[in-house]
Every structure is written in C-alpha cells, then in structure tokens.
Amino acid sequence: MKNPFHIMLIPTLGCPARCTYCWSSEPGSPVMSIETVHEIVEWLKKFRTDRVTFTFHGGEPLLAGADFYRQALPMITAGLQHLKPEFALQSNLWLMTPELADILAEYHVPIGSSIDGPEELNDLQRGKGYFKRTMQGYEIARTHGVHVRFICTFTAQSVKQREDIFNFFLKNGFVMKLHPALPSLRSNQPGHWALDPQEYGELLVYLLDKYLDHMGEIEIMNINDLFRCVFTRRGSVCTFVDCMGNTFAIGPDGGIYPCYRFVGMSGYILGNVADHPTLQDLQQSDAWKRMDRYRQYVDQTCGECSHIRYCRGGCPYNAIVAYGGEDKGVDPNCTAYKRIFGEISDRLNREMSEAPLMEMPPFGAASKKNKKHGIMSLVGMIASR
C-alpha cells in the first residue's frame, strides 16, 4: 500500500539532458541547501502524523551531489522517525556513481528512470547518447543494490512503434510504466510531441491486451493502477485522487507547492518551509484556493460520470496548463481515461456474469477453454502481492 502522505523534494530544476519534449527542466536553477532540508524536517515534525514517502525529483536530483544525500537521508530518517519515512528518487542516471549508489542503497531508495524504448527510438526523442549514458548509470545502480524501474514516455511519433517498445521492455525484463507526452512549455511547437488523448486511450487498451497475453512475463504498472481504480472504486495514484493536502512539493528555495509540476510557478506557491506553516496556513494561500476551485469545478462538471469516484477529473496540472489557468475543462486526457476505464469495467462485468462463482477458475488462472488470461487474472495477481 502506498503511504497516504507524499512529499516531493526538488533539489534543483536543472538537468544535464535536454530532452526535446521536456517541460520541467530549468537551466541555471539553484540547488537546495542542506539547511533547507533541516527546515523541512522541522516543519514536518508537527505537521502530520501519517507515514510519509519522500520522492527526490527534478530536474535532475543527482545534481545535488553525494554530500547532499549523505546528510539529507539520515537527517530526514532520524528527525521524522515517528513518520516512518520511505524514499524514492527520479533520475536519468547520467550522474550516478558508485559513491551515490552506495548511499541510496543504504537507505533503500528505489529509482525511477526514463527509457522510451530501443536505443534509436529513445535517442530520437531524448537526444543522441541518452540511452547509453542512462544504461551506464543503470548498471552502476544495479550492481550496488539499487532497484531501478523505467518510465516510458509515449509521444505522437513513438506511439506508432508501440509494438517495438513493448517488446523492448518484455525482452529486457523491465517493469513498464508509461507517461503520455504533454505539450512542452519549452518548445516553439508545444504540441509537436504531445500524445493525442484518443490515441492514448487506444494505447492503454492495446497494452491491456498485451499484458494479458504475457501474464507473468512482464508487469505494466499503469494497467495495475487503472484496474485497482475500477475494482476498488477509488483512485490509486495521484492522477486519479484528490491530492490536495496529501501531496506537497518543496522547491530548491523551500517554497511549498501542490505538486512538483508546479515548482517555479509563482502563482502556485502555498508557503515556505522556513515559516513552518500549518495546514490551515497553507489553506489560506491564493494557490490553495485556486486549486480548491478546480476541485469544485470537477464536482460540478463530472458529477454524472460513472468514473468520477476513482478519476476525479484526472491531473489538475494537465487541466490548468491546457486551459491557461482557468477552470474551463478537466484533464484533456479525459477521453483516454474514459476509454480504458470503460474497457476494464465492461470486461470485468462480462467475465463475472458469464462465469458463476462456483465455476470460475482460481484467481490468476487462465480459462481451460481458451487458455487466455482475462481481467479476473489481474485480481489474483494483484491480490497475491
């Protein structure tokens, strides 16, 4: 189970890579000081009592250097012992060293990295040499006991090679997690790489089928999460929950934001850790009130949607960027979410109605008739973990 409380630490918005479709990198960004980490710990000592996960994100968080993590990780662990902190880190791995890997391994920090598929396709999107540099860092992390999973960004171009990308992850034994490319704030053509929501929906259905065809050979995290949403009737990842008050991001200067995607956007600063604000203090900020208006907009706009309980209008950031900060629409990927949620719901209902409970095969088992895994297979697989 994921911890209910999530703090995203953004040591810097700088990044050595210059991925064409990236919107979150900021050249020349300052690096968070260890004093700011101390203030974060002091702020959180009385802020909440839930178990907490800290995710180091960016930009490229490894730019903070080994000394930063050598001090920050024990400081957070000891200072917030009552919150039982857990850690994660998102990195392209270019700056990974044996020294850094040993520090991260000591504190059981798993890493999410980014690979978009085979080398040629990946480098076309992310820049020449990206693949080799990331894989070099991956080998260092792996050999020093750091667990790494890869995130694949599908763009308007790469979605046409979805089979090659799936087979790349399958062949290499990588767990698959995917993101759709968003309009880049750094590009003169912001929509050039962005994945069309309808294509995104069809991609998710395609991957659902491939997952069921290769059950036990590969894990696709998105499909797991989407299925949990439908089966439990509640959101299981930040895109599909009311994240306000449960997720916060801390920028390099100690600014507090609703999410890492907002870091650096002055209109979305909730407060600063140096002031040790209470939740009530944050709720009085203009940024909180702006986010709360979006939440109310979702309640009104999506009230009749059958998926609202576990979708919540999708990601607020996606909607805010798409509509210029005004409450004029929900996450543009709504079309994709409806497509995959509807597909999972229909298949689940059909399988449950067609096979009486006493005649259903054990969870996770393929039907003897066609030896093909169905949606109910996911129930057993997820429940067994």
Protein backbone atom coordinates (compact mmCIF):
# COMPACT_ATOMS: atom_id res chain seq x y z
CA MET A 1 0.00 0.00 0.00
CA LYS A 2 1.20 3.50 -0.82
CA ASN A 3 1.73 5.88 2.08
CA PRO A 4 -1.09 8.45 2.36
CA PHE A 5 1.32 11.37 2.76
CA HIS A 6 3.78 12.30 -0.02
CA ILE A 7 6.48 14.97 -0.01
CA MET A 8 8.32 15.62 -3.29
CA LEU A 9 11.73 17.22 -2.79
CA ILE A 10 13.07 19.14 -5.78
CA PRO A 11 16.79 19.74 -5.09
CA THR A 12 17.08 21.58 -8.41
CA LEU A 13 15.21 22.15 -11.65
CA GLY A 14 18.48 21.90 -13.58
CA CYS A 15 19.22 18.85 -15.73
CA PRO A 16 22.20 17.81 -17.89
CA ALA A 17 19.88 16.29 -20.51
CA ARG A 18 17.90 18.42 -22.95
CA CYS A 19 15.03 16.14 -23.93
CA THR A 20 13.06 17.66 -26.79
CA TYR A 21 9.64 17.26 -25.21
CA CYS A 22 10.63 18.07 -21.61
CA TRP A 23 8.72 20.83 -19.81
CA SER A 24 10.23 20.53 -16.29
CA SER A 25 13.90 21.47 -16.77
CA GLU A 26 15.22 24.92 -15.93
CA PRO A 27 18.87 25.68 -16.82
CA GLY A 28 20.70 27.63 -14.12
CA SER A 29 18.34 26.54 -11.37
CA PRO A 30 19.83 26.79 -7.84
CA VAL A 31 20.46 23.67 -5.76
CA MET A 32 18.70 23.06 -2.45
CA SER A 33 20.89 23.58 0.61
CA ILE A 34 21.11 21.13 3.49
CA GLU A 35 19.79 23.96 5.69
CA THR A 36 16.57 23.86 3.70
CA VAL A 37 16.34 20.11 4.33
CA HIS A 38 16.70 20.86 8.04
CA GLU A 39 13.81 23.33 7.82
CA ILE A 40 11.71 20.72 6.01
CA VAL A 41 12.29 18.27 8.85
CA GLU A 42 11.44 20.86 11.49
CA TRP A 43 8.29 21.84 9.60
CA LEU A 44 7.05 18.28 9.26
CA LYS A 45 7.66 17.24 12.88
CA LYS A 46 4.24 18.55 13.90
CA PHE A 47 2.55 18.96 10.52
CA ARG A 48 1.04 15.47 10.20
CA THR A 49 1.29 12.07 11.83
CA ASP A 50 0.83 9.81 8.75
CA ARG A 51 3.56 7.63 7.29
CA VAL A 52 5.35 9.64 4.63
CA THR A 53 7.16 8.97 1.37
CA PHE A 54 9.82 11.42 0.18
CA THR A 55 10.49 11.44 -3.55
CA PHE A 56 13.54 13.33 -4.81
CA HIS A 57 12.58 14.73 -8.20
CA GLY A 58 13.64 17.46 -10.57
CA GLY A 59 15.09 18.48 -12.98
CA GLU A 60 17.82 16.04 -12.11
CA PRO A 61 18.09 15.43 -8.35
CA LEU A 62 21.54 13.82 -8.57
CA LEU A 63 22.93 17.26 -9.41
CA ALA A 64 22.72 17.91 -5.65
CA GLY A 65 25.70 15.56 -5.22
CA ALA A 66 26.70 12.75 -2.89
CA ASP A 67 27.31 15.02 0.14
CA PHE A 68 23.74 16.30 -0.07
CA TYR A 69 22.27 12.79 0.16
CA ARG A 70 24.84 11.68 2.73
CA GLN A 71 23.47 14.39 5.02
CA ALA A 72 19.83 14.64 3.92
CA LEU A 73 18.81 10.98 4.16
CA PRO A 74 19.90 10.40 7.78
CA MET A 75 18.61 13.85 8.76
CA ILE A 76 15.13 13.02 7.47
CA THR A 77 15.20 9.45 8.80
CA ALA A 78 16.21 10.43 12.34
CA GLY A 79 14.28 13.70 12.57
CA LEU A 80 10.99 12.21 11.33
CA GLN A 81 11.30 8.75 12.80
CA HIS A 82 7.70 8.91 14.05
CA LEU A 83 6.50 9.22 10.42
CA LYS A 84 8.45 6.11 9.34
CA PRO A 85 9.78 7.88 6.21
CA GLU A 86 10.35 5.96 2.99
CA PHE A 87 12.22 7.27 -0.04
CA ALA A 88 12.22 7.24 -3.83
CA LEU A 89 14.14 9.14 -6.49
CA GLN A 90 13.53 10.03 -10.14
CA SER A 91 16.69 10.35 -12.25
CA ASN A 92 18.08 9.90 -15.75
CA LEU A 93 21.07 8.19 -14.02
CA TRP A 94 23.69 10.11 -16.01
CA LEU A 95 25.37 11.31 -12.81
CA MET A 96 25.18 8.01 -10.93
CA THR A 97 28.44 7.00 -9.25
CA PRO A 98 29.37 4.06 -7.01
CA GLU A 99 29.51 6.52 -4.09
CA LEU A 100 25.98 7.78 -4.72
CA ALA A 101 24.67 4.28 -5.35
CA ASP A 102 26.02 3.06 -2.00
CA ILE A 103 24.35 5.95 -0.16
CA LEU A 104 21.00 5.31 -1.87
CA ALA A 105 21.24 1.56 -1.28
CA GLU A 106 21.90 2.09 2.43
CA TYR A 107 18.60 3.95 2.74
CA HIS A 108 16.69 1.65 0.39
CA VAL A 109 15.95 4.37 -2.16
CA PRO A 110 14.44 2.89 -5.36
CA ILE A 111 14.93 4.87 -8.56
CA GLY A 112 12.55 5.61 -11.38
CA SER A 113 14.42 6.39 -14.59
CA SER A 114 13.37 7.08 -18.18
CA ILE A 115 13.83 5.00 -21.30
CA ASP A 116 11.43 5.36 -24.23
CA GLY A 117 12.26 2.07 -25.93
CA PRO A 118 15.09 0.80 -28.19
CA GLU A 119 18.17 3.00 -28.42
CA GLU A 120 17.48 4.56 -31.82
CA LEU A 121 13.90 5.49 -30.97
CA ASN A 122 14.82 6.68 -27.48
CA ASP A 123 17.63 8.94 -28.70
CA LEU A 124 15.46 10.39 -31.44
CA GLN A 125 13.19 11.76 -28.71
CA ARG A 126 15.60 12.36 -25.85
CA GLY A 127 18.84 13.25 -27.65
CA LYS A 128 21.80 11.37 -29.09
CA GLY A 129 23.71 9.39 -26.49
CA TYR A 130 20.95 9.47 -23.90
CA PHE A 131 20.34 5.71 -23.99
CA LYS A 132 23.97 4.71 -23.40
CA ARG A 133 24.50 7.21 -20.59
CA THR A 134 21.34 6.10 -18.80
CA MET A 135 22.23 2.42 -19.19
CA GLN A 136 25.71 3.06 -17.81
CA GLY A 137 24.18 4.65 -14.74
CA TYR A 138 21.68 1.80 -14.52
CA GLU A 139 24.48 -0.77 -14.37
CA ILE A 140 26.21 1.14 -11.57
CA ALA A 141 22.98 1.41 -9.59
CA ARG A 142 22.06 -2.23 -10.15
CA THR A 143 25.44 -3.63 -9.19
CA HIS A 144 25.37 -1.62 -5.96
CA GLY A 145 21.98 -2.94 -4.94
CA VAL A 146 19.74 -0.04 -6.01
CA HIS A 147 16.41 -1.06 -7.50
CA VAL A 148 15.62 0.74 -10.79
CA ARG A 149 12.41 0.85 -12.82
CA PHE A 150 11.97 2.62 -16.14
CA ILE A 151 9.27 5.04 -17.24
CA CYS A 152 8.47 5.18 -20.95
CA THR A 153 7.12 8.39 -22.44
CA PHE A 154 4.93 7.82 -25.47
CA THR A 155 4.81 10.68 -27.94
CA ALA A 156 2.79 11.36 -31.07
CA GLN A 157 5.69 9.83 -33.01
CA SER A 158 6.67 6.86 -30.85
CA VAL A 159 3.12 5.57 -30.37
CA LYS A 160 3.31 4.33 -33.96
CA GLN A 161 6.05 1.92 -32.78
CA ARG A 162 4.20 0.68 -29.73
CA GLU A 163 4.86 -2.99 -30.54
CA ASP A 164 8.62 -2.44 -30.77
CA ILE A 165 8.56 -0.54 -27.48
CA PHE A 166 6.52 -3.21 -25.70
CA ASN A 167 8.82 -5.95 -27.00
CA PHE A 168 11.86 -3.98 -25.80
CA PHE A 169 10.54 -3.93 -22.24
CA LEU A 170 9.45 -7.56 -22.47
CA LYS A 171 12.79 -8.80 -23.83
CA ASN A 172 14.83 -6.92 -21.25
CA GLY A 173 12.66 -7.95 -18.32
CA PHE A 174 11.91 -4.34 -17.38
CA VAL A 175 8.82 -3.37 -15.43
CA MET A 176 6.90 -0.96 -17.65
CA LYS A 177 5.43 2.35 -16.58
CA LEU A 178 4.30 4.87 -19.16
CA HIS A 179 3.51 8.55 -19.47
CA PRO A 180 1.87 10.36 -22.36
CA ALA A 181 3.92 13.29 -23.65
CA LEU A 182 2.41 16.62 -22.64
CA PRO A 183 2.63 19.90 -24.53
CA SER A 184 6.10 21.27 -23.74
CA LEU A 185 6.39 24.71 -22.18
CA ARG A 186 9.92 24.98 -23.58
CA SER A 187 9.13 24.33 -27.23
CA ASN A 188 8.17 26.65 -30.07
CA GLN A 189 5.86 23.83 -31.14
CA PRO A 190 4.31 22.78 -27.81
CA GLY A 191 2.02 20.21 -29.33
CA HIS A 192 4.52 18.53 -31.68
CA TRP A 193 5.34 15.64 -29.32
CA ALA A 194 2.12 15.61 -27.29
CA LEU A 195 0.18 12.35 -27.49
CA ASP A 196 -3.42 12.78 -28.65
CA PRO A 197 -5.84 11.69 -25.87
CA GLN A 198 -7.76 9.38 -28.19
CA GLU A 199 -4.52 7.68 -29.27
CA TYR A 200 -3.50 7.45 -25.62
CA GLY A 201 -6.73 5.65 -24.80
CA GLU A 202 -6.20 3.15 -27.62
CA LEU A 203 -2.60 2.66 -26.48
CA LEU A 204 -3.79 1.75 -22.98
CA VAL A 205 -6.27 -0.80 -24.36
CA TYR A 206 -3.51 -2.25 -26.56
CA LEU A 207 -1.21 -2.59 -23.55
CA LEU A 208 -4.01 -4.19 -21.53
CA ASP A 209 -4.31 -6.87 -24.21
CA LYS A 210 -0.54 -7.36 -24.41
CA TYR A 211 -0.35 -7.59 -20.62
CA LEU A 212 -2.96 -10.32 -20.51
CA ASP A 213 -1.24 -12.16 -23.39
CA HIS A 214 2.05 -12.10 -21.47
CA MET A 215 0.80 -12.51 -17.90
CA GLY A 216 3.71 -13.46 -15.68
CA GLU A 217 6.31 -12.28 -18.20
CA ILE A 218 6.04 -8.52 -17.69
CA GLU A 219 4.46 -6.02 -15.31
CA ILE A 220 2.76 -2.87 -16.59
CA MET A 221 2.25 -0.62 -13.59
CA ASN A 222 -0.31 1.65 -15.25
CA ILE A 223 -2.62 -1.26 -16.01
CA ASN A 224 -2.33 -2.46 -12.41
CA ASP A 225 -3.23 1.00 -11.13
CA LEU A 226 -6.11 1.51 -13.55
CA PHE A 227 -7.53 -1.88 -12.64
CA ARG A 228 -7.29 -1.10 -8.92
CA CYS A 229 -9.26 2.09 -9.56
CA VAL A 230 -12.12 0.21 -11.18
CA PHE A 231 -12.10 -2.79 -8.85
CA THR A 232 -11.86 -0.86 -5.56
CA ARG A 233 -13.85 2.18 -6.79
CA ARG A 234 -11.19 4.58 -5.56
CA GLY A 235 -8.13 6.24 -7.09
CA SER A 236 -4.81 4.51 -6.54
CA VAL A 237 -2.31 7.00 -8.00
CA CYS A 238 -2.04 10.78 -7.81
CA THR A 239 -3.60 11.36 -11.25
CA PHE A 240 -6.88 9.92 -10.02
CA VAL A 241 -7.22 11.19 -6.45
CA ASP A 242 -7.98 14.43 -4.70
CA CYS A 243 -4.31 15.12 -3.98
CA MET A 244 -4.65 18.48 -2.20
CA GLY A 245 -3.39 18.22 1.37
CA ASN A 246 -1.82 14.80 0.84
CA THR A 247 0.91 15.71 -1.65
CA PHE A 248 3.29 18.66 -1.47
CA ALA A 249 6.42 19.57 -3.41
CA ILE A 250 9.31 21.58 -1.98
CA GLY A 251 11.35 23.67 -4.39
CA PRO A 252 15.09 24.43 -4.08
CA ASP A 253 14.40 27.58 -2.04
CA GLY A 254 11.96 25.88 0.35
CA GLY A 255 8.83 27.03 -1.45
CA ILE A 256 5.85 24.71 -0.94
CA TYR A 257 3.74 23.78 -3.98
CA PRO A 258 0.80 21.41 -4.63
CA CYS A 259 2.97 19.15 -6.84
CA TYR A 260 6.41 19.02 -8.44
CA ARG A 261 4.89 20.10 -11.75
CA PHE A 262 4.08 23.50 -10.26
CA VAL A 263 7.53 24.18 -8.79
CA GLY A 264 8.82 27.50 -10.09
CA MET A 265 5.33 28.79 -10.97
CA SER A 266 4.85 31.81 -8.71
CA GLY A 267 1.08 31.63 -8.81
CA TYR A 268 1.11 28.21 -7.12
CA ILE A 269 3.25 28.83 -4.03
CA LEU A 270 1.41 27.71 -0.91
CA GLY A 271 4.05 28.87 1.57
CA ASN A 272 7.67 28.26 2.61
CA VAL A 273 9.10 25.62 4.93
CA ALA A 274 11.13 28.27 6.77
CA ASP A 275 7.85 29.60 8.19
CA HIS A 276 6.76 26.15 9.42
CA PRO A 277 3.18 26.72 8.20
CA THR A 278 0.26 24.69 9.50
CA LEU A 279 -2.20 23.08 7.10
CA GLN A 280 -4.60 25.90 7.93
CA ASP A 281 -1.94 28.44 6.93
CA LEU A 282 -1.48 26.74 3.56
CA GLN A 283 -5.24 26.64 3.03
CA GLN A 284 -5.36 30.43 3.28
CA SER A 285 -3.00 30.91 0.34
CA ASP A 286 -4.26 32.05 -3.05
CA ALA A 287 -2.73 28.95 -4.63
CA TRP A 288 -4.72 26.61 -2.38
CA LYS A 289 -7.94 28.49 -3.09
CA ARG A 290 -7.21 28.27 -6.82
CA MET A 291 -6.73 24.51 -6.59
CA ASP A 292 -9.87 24.21 -4.47
CA ARG A 293 -11.88 25.98 -7.18
CA TYR A 294 -10.69 23.34 -9.63
CA ARG A 295 -11.84 20.61 -7.26
CA GLN A 296 -15.29 22.20 -7.10
CA TYR A 297 -15.31 22.52 -10.89
CA VAL A 298 -14.68 18.76 -11.19
CA ASP A 299 -17.55 18.00 -8.82
CA GLN A 300 -19.90 20.06 -10.99
CA THR A 301 -18.60 19.05 -14.42
CA CYS A 302 -18.00 15.36 -13.83
CA GLY A 303 -20.82 14.71 -11.38
CA GLU A 304 -22.74 12.45 -13.79
CA CYS A 305 -19.68 10.49 -14.96
CA SER A 306 -19.63 6.86 -13.82
CA HIS A 307 -15.88 7.09 -13.20
CA ILE A 308 -15.78 10.22 -11.03
CA ARG A 309 -15.15 8.36 -7.74
CA TYR A 310 -11.84 6.96 -8.94
CA CYS A 311 -10.87 9.54 -11.56
CA ARG A 312 -11.57 12.95 -10.01
CA GLY A 313 -11.13 14.69 -13.35
CA GLY A 314 -7.57 13.49 -13.83
CA CYS A 315 -4.49 15.63 -13.17
CA PRO A 316 -5.18 19.27 -12.17
CA TYR A 317 -1.87 20.40 -13.68
CA ASN A 318 -2.80 18.99 -17.09
CA ALA A 319 -6.12 20.86 -16.98
CA ILE A 320 -4.63 24.12 -15.72
CA VAL A 321 -1.94 24.22 -18.41
CA ALA A 322 -4.35 23.21 -21.16
CA TYR A 323 -6.83 25.96 -20.30
CA GLY A 324 -4.47 28.77 -19.34
CA GLY A 325 -5.09 28.54 -15.62
CA GLU A 326 -8.85 28.93 -15.92
CA ASP A 327 -11.49 26.44 -14.82
CA LYS A 328 -12.73 25.67 -18.31
CA GLY A 329 -12.01 21.97 -18.55
CA VAL A 330 -10.69 18.87 -16.81
CA ASP A 331 -7.56 16.92 -17.71
CA PRO A 332 -7.51 16.76 -21.56
CA ASN A 333 -6.72 13.06 -21.25
CA CYS A 334 -10.28 12.52 -20.02
CA THR A 335 -11.02 10.81 -23.34
CA ALA A 336 -8.25 8.29 -22.70
CA TYR A 337 -9.29 7.67 -19.11
CA LYS A 338 -12.90 7.01 -20.10
CA ARG A 339 -11.74 4.63 -22.83
CA ILE A 340 -9.59 2.44 -20.58
CA PHE A 341 -11.83 2.62 -17.51
CA GLY A 342 -14.80 1.67 -19.67
CA GLU A 343 -12.90 -1.20 -21.28
CA ILE A 344 -11.79 -2.62 -17.94
CA SER A 345 -15.28 -2.22 -16.43
CA ASP A 346 -17.01 -3.87 -19.38
CA ARG A 347 -14.64 -6.83 -19.45
CA LEU A 348 -14.78 -7.28 -15.69
CA ASN A 349 -18.58 -7.23 -15.65
CA ARG A 350 -18.77 -9.58 -18.62
CA GLU A 351 -16.40 -12.13 -17.11
CA MET A 352 -18.16 -12.08 -13.75
CA SER A 353 -21.59 -12.50 -15.34
CA GLU A 354 -20.56 -15.24 -17.75
CA ALA A 355 -18.94 -17.48 -15.13
CA PRO A 356 -20.89 -18.33 -11.97
CA LEU A 357 -18.73 -18.02 -8.87
CA MET A 358 -18.58 -21.77 -8.23
CA GLU A 359 -17.42 -22.40 -11.80
CA MET A 360 -14.82 -19.65 -12.02
CA PRO A 361 -11.18 -20.74 -12.25
CA PRO A 362 -8.83 -19.75 -9.40
CA PHE A 363 -7.74 -16.11 -9.49
CA GLY A 364 -4.80 -15.72 -11.84
CA ALA A 365 -5.54 -18.92 -13.74
CA ALA A 366 -6.29 -18.92 -17.45
CA SER A 367 -9.54 -20.37 -18.70
CA LYS A 368 -9.13 -24.01 -19.75
CA LYS A 369 -11.35 -23.37 -22.73
CA ASN A 370 -9.21 -20.79 -24.46
CA LYS A 371 -6.09 -20.69 -22.24
CA LYS A 372 -6.21 -16.91 -22.41
CA HIS A 373 -5.97 -14.69 -19.36
CA GLY A 374 -8.87 -12.37 -18.71
CA ILE A 375 -9.41 -9.38 -16.45
CA MET A 376 -10.06 -11.64 -13.46
CA SER A 377 -6.49 -12.86 -13.80
CA LEU A 378 -5.39 -9.41 -12.68
CA VAL A 379 -7.37 -9.81 -9.47
CA GLY A 380 -5.32 -12.80 -8.41
CA MET A 381 -2.02 -11.31 -9.50
CA ILE A 382 -2.55 -8.02 -7.65
CA ALA A 383 -4.08 -9.69 -4.58
CA SER A 384 -1.11 -12.04 -4.27
CA ARG A 385 1.31 -9.13 -3.78
